[in-house]
Amino acid sequence: MNEEINRIQWKCRRGMREIDLLLREFSRTSLKNLDKKDINIFSQILDYDDQKLYDFIFKNEKLGNRVHENFILLHLKKFSHQGNF
């Protein structure tokens, strides 16, 4: 499991500053608290390109996957309000 978390944390490094900060903060503070199912969902979310994630998180444009959208709303959206994104 530790190897999987390390791989996911590496995938959190992004090209878009806002998404990079958001994902890295989440992985630093919350990733260890997720169960295996949620870790898999988060890993799938990391396969989206930065612009698509940005548009969903900051502009409320749909991703087209309800499971991913719900995870982001529950776990990641709160981080977007805490930082200077």
Protein backbone atom coordinates (compact mmCIF):
# COMPACT_ATOMS: atom_id res chain seq x y z
CA MET A 1 0.00 0.00 0.00
CA ASN A 2 2.89 2.36 0.75
CA GLU A 3 4.20 1.94 -2.78
CA GLU A 4 0.77 2.80 -4.18
CA ILE A 5 0.58 5.96 -2.04
CA ASN A 6 4.05 7.01 -3.22
CA ARG A 7 3.00 6.48 -6.85
CA ILE A 8 -0.17 8.52 -6.33
CA GLN A 9 1.72 11.34 -4.62
CA TRP A 10 4.04 11.49 -7.62
CA LYS A 11 1.01 11.71 -9.95
CA CYS A 12 -0.20 14.73 -7.93
CA ARG A 13 2.67 16.80 -9.32
CA ARG A 14 1.01 18.77 -12.09
CA GLY A 15 1.72 21.47 -14.63
CA MET A 16 -1.07 23.83 -13.57
CA ARG A 17 -0.15 25.58 -10.33
CA GLU A 18 -3.65 25.62 -8.83
CA ILE A 19 -4.22 21.92 -9.44
CA ASP A 20 -0.69 21.03 -8.31
CA LEU A 21 -1.12 22.82 -4.98
CA LEU A 22 -4.57 21.39 -4.40
CA LEU A 23 -3.66 17.78 -5.17
CA ARG A 24 -0.37 17.86 -3.31
CA GLU A 25 -1.99 19.34 -0.19
CA PHE A 26 -4.72 16.71 -0.29
CA SER A 27 -2.22 13.89 -0.75
CA ARG A 28 -0.03 15.24 2.06
CA THR A 29 -2.85 15.58 4.60
CA SER A 30 -5.58 13.12 3.65
CA LEU A 31 -4.39 10.32 1.38
CA LYS A 32 -3.34 8.05 4.25
CA ASN A 33 -6.87 8.24 5.70
CA LEU A 34 -8.59 6.88 2.58
CA ASP A 35 -9.67 3.27 2.20
CA LYS A 36 -8.55 1.19 -0.78
CA LYS A 37 -11.69 2.00 -2.80
CA ASP A 38 -11.22 5.76 -2.38
CA ILE A 39 -7.51 5.51 -3.15
CA ASN A 40 -8.43 3.83 -6.44
CA ILE A 41 -10.99 6.53 -7.22
CA PHE A 42 -8.44 9.25 -6.47
CA SER A 43 -5.90 7.54 -8.70
CA GLN A 44 -8.46 7.50 -11.53
CA ILE A 45 -9.15 11.21 -10.99
CA LEU A 46 -5.45 11.91 -11.44
CA ASP A 47 -5.75 10.59 -15.00
CA TYR A 48 -7.79 13.67 -15.99
CA ASP A 49 -5.84 16.50 -17.56
CA ASP A 50 -5.30 19.63 -15.48
CA GLN A 51 -7.71 21.80 -17.44
CA LYS A 52 -10.59 19.35 -17.02
CA LEU A 53 -10.00 19.15 -13.26
CA TYR A 54 -9.67 22.92 -13.01
CA ASP A 55 -12.92 23.45 -14.90
CA PHE A 56 -14.80 21.09 -12.60
CA ILE A 57 -13.34 22.36 -9.33
CA PHE A 58 -13.35 26.08 -10.04
CA LYS A 59 -15.96 26.52 -12.79
CA ASN A 60 -18.40 23.70 -11.90
CA GLU A 61 -18.19 22.14 -15.37
CA LYS A 62 -19.12 18.45 -15.28
CA LEU A 63 -16.54 15.68 -15.67
CA GLY A 64 -19.12 13.20 -16.90
CA ASN A 65 -18.40 10.69 -14.13
CA ARG A 66 -20.64 10.97 -11.06
CA VAL A 67 -18.34 8.88 -8.83
CA HIS A 68 -15.35 11.12 -9.60
CA GLU A 69 -17.41 14.29 -9.23
CA ASN A 70 -18.75 13.17 -5.83
CA PHE A 71 -15.27 12.27 -4.60
CA ILE A 72 -13.92 15.67 -5.63
CA LEU A 73 -16.84 17.47 -4.02
CA LEU A 74 -16.46 15.50 -0.79
CA HIS A 75 -12.68 15.41 -0.48
CA LEU A 76 -10.96 17.97 -2.71
CA LYS A 77 -13.27 20.95 -3.10
CA LYS A 78 -12.71 22.06 0.51
CA PHE A 79 -8.98 22.48 -0.20
CA SER A 80 -9.76 24.89 -3.05
CA HIS A 81 -11.31 27.27 -0.52
CA GLN A 82 -8.40 27.10 1.93
CA GLY A 83 -5.56 28.23 -0.31
CA ASN A 84 -4.90 31.09 -2.66
CA PHE A 85 -5.88 29.29 -5.83
